Amino acid sequence: MNKDEFIKELEKINIKVTEKQLMMLDVYYKMLIDYNKHTNLTRITNEQDVYLKHFYDSLTIIKAVDLKNKTLIDVGTGAGFPGLVLKIIFPTLKVTLLDSLNKRIEFLKLVINNLNLENINVIHQRAEEYALSNREKFDIVTSRAVSSLPILSELCIPMVKLNGYFVAMKAEAKQELENSKKAIKTLGGVIKDIVIFKLPKDNGLRTLIIIEKKQITSVKYPRKFSEIKKKSL
């Protein structure tokens, strides 16, 4: 996906990017490639692939939720997908980027400082630990292809505000959905919608699982990660 195609495909999902935002994405891409030479952040390095599979793909969350003036945490953000891309394109969004690996956190800080972004926090901590002191805090919690949905649900749903949303960004997820129904209900969520679509040029299936928080999550959750991994809800 070249930059012209990127702009046109975004227009199809009602996103209009400015020249300044395109410049910021270009800086982000160049910093990603440079940093990736010595620290593994992504296997996808070709510019057209990054614009499609990282930048465009991150922005497809707009198919699921309204981002205007919301608070959002990206759990297991990695090199900033989707959270940092969302902040660039939706500047009124208050973003927290959460990751357990400091090498990623240091990269994100460099990009944020370089782009002079405000109202964006970077946290170096495990999700299950961060969730314990940040319960029912965010309008939107999202995670992109980090772990299986039963595990992600226990990590993420506790951080969602009542009537807020956890949006899991997945590829094909039919079996994961089936395996997650009990966990989602136990954690106070309900599946509001499932949005399935293909990336442009047949570059794979994508699934957005939209879970609405209907009840406060019990303080029993999230458990220690060893317990979550051993036996999901």
Protein backbone atom coordinates (compact mmCIF):
# COMPACT_ATOMS: atom_id res chain seq x y z
CA MET A 1 0.00 0.00 0.00
CA ASN A 2 1.66 3.21 -1.15
CA LYS A 3 0.82 6.53 0.51
CA ASP A 4 -1.78 7.52 -2.08
CA GLU A 5 -3.55 4.18 -1.62
CA PHE A 6 -3.28 4.62 2.16
CA ILE A 7 -5.06 7.99 1.95
CA LYS A 8 -7.79 6.64 -0.35
CA GLU A 9 -8.45 3.55 1.77
CA LEU A 10 -8.72 5.68 4.90
CA GLU A 11 -11.26 7.92 3.18
CA LYS A 12 -13.41 4.81 2.67
CA ILE A 13 -13.62 4.42 6.46
CA ASN A 14 -14.24 8.15 6.95
CA ILE A 15 -10.74 9.14 8.03
CA LYS A 16 -9.16 12.17 6.40
CA VAL A 17 -5.48 12.56 7.13
CA THR A 18 -3.70 15.92 7.06
CA GLU A 19 -0.30 16.65 5.57
CA LYS A 20 1.06 17.09 9.08
CA GLN A 21 -0.23 13.64 10.10
CA LEU A 22 1.28 12.05 7.00
CA MET A 23 4.60 13.70 7.85
CA MET A 24 4.39 12.33 11.41
CA LEU A 25 3.69 8.82 10.14
CA ASP A 26 6.67 9.13 7.81
CA VAL A 27 8.92 10.12 10.73
CA TYR A 28 7.48 7.24 12.78
CA TYR A 29 8.21 4.78 9.97
CA LYS A 30 11.79 5.96 9.54
CA MET A 31 12.45 5.77 13.28
CA LEU A 32 10.93 2.28 13.38
CA ILE A 33 13.22 1.02 10.63
CA ASP A 34 16.29 2.66 12.14
CA TYR A 35 15.63 1.30 15.64
CA ASN A 36 14.74 -2.11 14.25
CA LYS A 37 18.31 -2.49 12.94
CA HIS A 38 19.56 -3.13 16.47
CA THR A 39 16.38 -3.94 18.43
CA ASN A 40 13.74 -6.33 17.11
CA LEU A 41 10.43 -4.46 17.01
CA THR A 42 8.78 -5.86 13.88
CA ARG A 43 9.34 -8.38 11.10
CA ILE A 44 7.45 -6.09 8.73
CA THR A 45 9.87 -3.45 7.44
CA ASN A 46 8.94 -2.76 3.80
CA GLU A 47 7.37 0.70 3.68
CA GLN A 48 4.25 -0.33 1.77
CA ASP A 49 3.73 -3.29 4.10
CA VAL A 50 4.11 -1.09 7.20
CA TYR A 51 1.53 1.35 5.89
CA LEU A 52 -0.92 -1.48 5.22
CA LYS A 53 -0.29 -4.02 7.98
CA HIS A 54 0.63 -1.64 10.79
CA PHE A 55 -0.67 1.87 10.09
CA TYR A 56 -3.89 1.14 8.16
CA ASP A 57 -4.66 -1.99 10.16
CA SER A 58 -4.31 -0.06 13.44
CA LEU A 59 -6.82 2.53 12.26
CA THR A 60 -9.51 -0.01 11.40
CA ILE A 61 -10.59 0.07 15.05
CA ILE A 62 -12.69 3.05 13.93
CA LYS A 63 -15.05 0.43 12.47
CA ALA A 64 -15.83 -0.63 16.05
CA VAL A 65 -15.83 2.43 18.32
CA ASP A 66 -15.97 6.22 18.35
CA LEU A 67 -12.58 7.57 19.44
CA LYS A 68 -13.38 11.25 19.83
CA ASN A 69 -12.31 12.64 23.23
CA LYS A 70 -11.93 9.17 24.72
CA THR A 71 -9.35 7.56 27.00
CA LEU A 72 -7.71 4.48 25.51
CA ILE A 73 -5.09 1.99 26.66
CA ASP A 74 -3.25 -0.24 24.20
CA VAL A 75 -2.25 -3.44 26.03
CA GLY A 76 0.92 -5.07 24.72
CA THR A 77 1.47 -2.17 22.36
CA GLY A 78 4.83 -3.39 21.02
CA ALA A 79 6.13 -0.75 18.62
CA GLY A 80 2.96 1.31 19.11
CA PHE A 81 0.32 -0.54 17.13
CA PRO A 82 -2.45 0.46 17.31
CA GLY A 83 -2.13 3.04 20.12
CA LEU A 84 0.54 5.39 18.79
CA VAL A 85 -0.94 5.42 15.28
CA LEU A 86 -4.34 6.23 16.76
CA LYS A 87 -2.89 9.14 18.74
CA ILE A 88 -1.34 10.64 15.60
CA ILE A 89 -4.59 10.46 13.62
CA PHE A 90 -6.99 11.22 16.50
CA PRO A 91 -5.19 13.91 18.53
CA THR A 92 -8.05 14.38 21.06
CA LEU A 93 -7.63 10.76 22.16
CA LYS A 94 -5.89 10.35 25.51
CA VAL A 95 -3.66 7.31 25.07
CA THR A 96 -1.75 4.98 27.37
CA LEU A 97 0.72 2.56 25.80
CA LEU A 98 1.42 -0.47 27.98
CA ASP A 99 4.17 -3.02 27.37
CA SER A 100 6.27 -5.37 29.49
CA LEU A 101 9.50 -4.98 27.47
CA ASN A 102 11.58 -1.90 28.21
CA LYS A 103 13.31 -1.89 24.80
CA ARG A 104 9.92 -1.19 23.22
CA ILE A 105 9.09 1.45 25.80
CA GLU A 106 12.34 3.31 25.09
CA PHE A 107 11.54 3.33 21.37
CA LEU A 108 8.03 4.67 22.00
CA LYS A 109 9.40 7.48 24.17
CA LEU A 110 11.77 8.52 21.40
CA VAL A 111 8.97 8.70 18.83
CA ILE A 112 6.61 10.57 21.17
CA ASN A 113 9.29 13.13 22.02
CA ASN A 114 10.28 13.53 18.39
CA LEU A 115 6.68 14.15 17.34
CA ASN A 116 5.91 16.39 20.35
CA LEU A 117 2.78 14.40 21.20
CA GLU A 118 0.77 15.33 24.30
CA ASN A 119 -1.72 13.39 26.43
CA ILE A 120 0.02 10.09 25.78
CA ASN A 121 1.57 7.97 28.53
CA VAL A 122 4.02 5.09 28.20
CA ILE A 123 4.00 2.43 30.92
CA HIS A 124 6.56 -0.33 31.41
CA GLN A 125 4.63 -2.98 33.32
CA ARG A 126 2.90 -6.31 32.93
CA ALA A 127 -0.80 -5.96 32.11
CA GLU A 128 -2.08 -8.06 35.02
CA GLU A 129 -0.05 -5.92 37.47
CA TYR A 130 -1.07 -2.58 35.96
CA ALA A 131 -4.73 -3.62 35.93
CA LEU A 132 -4.78 -4.13 39.71
CA SER A 133 -4.31 -0.41 40.39
CA ASN A 134 -6.12 0.89 37.29
CA ARG A 135 -9.51 -0.76 37.47
CA GLU A 136 -12.48 0.63 35.53
CA LYS A 137 -10.27 3.50 34.29
CA PHE A 138 -10.48 3.63 30.47
CA ASP A 139 -13.27 4.25 27.97
CA ILE A 140 -11.59 1.87 25.53
CA VAL A 141 -9.11 -0.94 26.11
CA THR A 142 -7.63 -2.54 23.04
CA SER A 143 -5.03 -5.13 22.16
CA ARG A 144 -3.84 -6.25 18.75
CA ALA A 145 -3.03 -9.95 18.24
CA VAL A 146 -1.16 -10.23 21.56
CA SER A 147 -2.62 -13.40 23.07
CA SER A 148 -5.66 -15.66 22.98
CA LEU A 149 -9.00 -14.01 23.69
CA PRO A 150 -9.70 -15.83 27.00
CA ILE A 151 -6.36 -14.58 28.37
CA LEU A 152 -6.73 -11.09 26.89
CA SER A 153 -10.21 -10.74 28.36
CA GLU A 154 -8.95 -11.30 31.90
CA LEU A 155 -6.10 -8.84 31.39
CA CYS A 156 -8.13 -6.13 29.69
CA ILE A 157 -11.75 -6.13 30.86
CA PRO A 158 -10.89 -5.15 34.47
CA MET A 159 -9.47 -1.85 33.13
CA VAL A 160 -12.60 -0.92 31.15
CA LYS A 161 -14.95 1.67 32.59
CA LEU A 162 -18.54 0.62 33.19
CA ASN A 163 -20.31 0.94 29.81
CA GLY A 164 -16.93 1.22 28.10
CA TYR A 165 -15.45 -1.20 25.58
CA PHE A 166 -12.72 -3.77 25.18
CA VAL A 167 -11.90 -4.15 21.49
CA ALA A 168 -9.77 -7.17 20.60
CA MET A 169 -8.13 -6.82 17.18
CA LYS A 170 -7.68 -10.27 15.69
CA ALA A 171 -7.29 -12.19 12.46
CA GLU A 172 -9.64 -15.20 12.28
CA ALA A 173 -11.16 -15.66 15.75
CA LYS A 174 -14.18 -17.97 15.55
CA GLN A 175 -12.79 -20.63 17.91
CA GLU A 176 -11.35 -18.04 20.29
CA LEU A 177 -14.76 -16.44 20.57
CA GLU A 178 -16.37 -19.73 21.46
CA ASN A 179 -13.73 -20.40 24.10
CA SER A 180 -14.11 -16.93 25.62
CA LYS A 181 -17.83 -16.67 26.32
CA LYS A 182 -17.61 -17.82 29.94
CA ALA A 183 -14.61 -15.57 30.69
CA ILE A 184 -16.24 -12.49 29.19
CA LYS A 185 -19.42 -13.01 31.21
CA THR A 186 -17.49 -13.72 34.44
CA LEU A 187 -15.52 -10.49 34.00
CA GLY A 188 -18.66 -8.38 33.53
CA GLY A 189 -18.67 -8.05 29.76
CA VAL A 190 -21.03 -8.85 26.92
CA ILE A 191 -20.17 -9.27 23.26
CA LYS A 192 -21.79 -6.25 21.62
CA ASP A 193 -20.66 -6.83 18.05
CA ILE A 194 -18.17 -8.65 15.84
CA VAL A 195 -16.85 -6.85 12.77
CA ILE A 196 -15.21 -9.05 10.13
CA PHE A 197 -13.52 -7.61 7.05
CA LYS A 198 -10.62 -8.08 4.67
CA LEU A 199 -7.61 -5.81 4.44
CA PRO A 200 -7.26 -4.10 1.03
CA LYS A 201 -5.85 -6.18 -1.83
CA ASP A 202 -6.85 -9.45 -0.11
CA ASN A 203 -4.17 -9.09 2.53
CA GLY A 204 -5.92 -11.18 5.11
CA LEU A 205 -9.02 -11.42 7.26
CA ARG A 206 -9.49 -9.17 10.28
CA THR A 207 -11.92 -9.48 13.19
CA LEU A 208 -12.81 -6.75 15.68
CA ILE A 209 -14.44 -8.21 18.79
CA ILE A 210 -16.33 -5.49 20.65
CA ILE A 211 -17.05 -6.30 24.29
CA GLU A 212 -19.10 -3.87 26.37
CA LYS A 213 -18.51 -3.68 30.13
CA LYS A 214 -21.89 -4.11 31.81
CA GLN A 215 -20.84 -4.98 35.37
CA ILE A 216 -17.93 -4.11 37.63
CA THR A 217 -15.26 -6.82 37.44
CA SER A 218 -14.72 -8.79 40.64
CA VAL A 219 -11.53 -7.84 42.51
CA LYS A 220 -10.46 -11.49 42.11
CA TYR A 221 -9.44 -10.62 38.53
CA PRO A 222 -7.01 -10.42 36.94
CA ARG A 223 -5.18 -13.30 38.63
CA LYS A 224 -1.43 -13.84 38.45
CA PHE A 225 -0.37 -14.54 34.89
CA SER A 226 0.84 -18.04 35.79
CA GLU A 227 -2.69 -18.84 36.98
CA ILE A 228 -4.32 -17.25 33.93
CA LYS A 229 -2.09 -19.21 31.58
CA LYS A 230 -2.54 -22.47 33.49
CA LYS A 231 -6.31 -22.30 33.41
CA SER A 232 -8.28 -19.58 31.63
CA LEU A 233 -11.74 -18.67 32.88
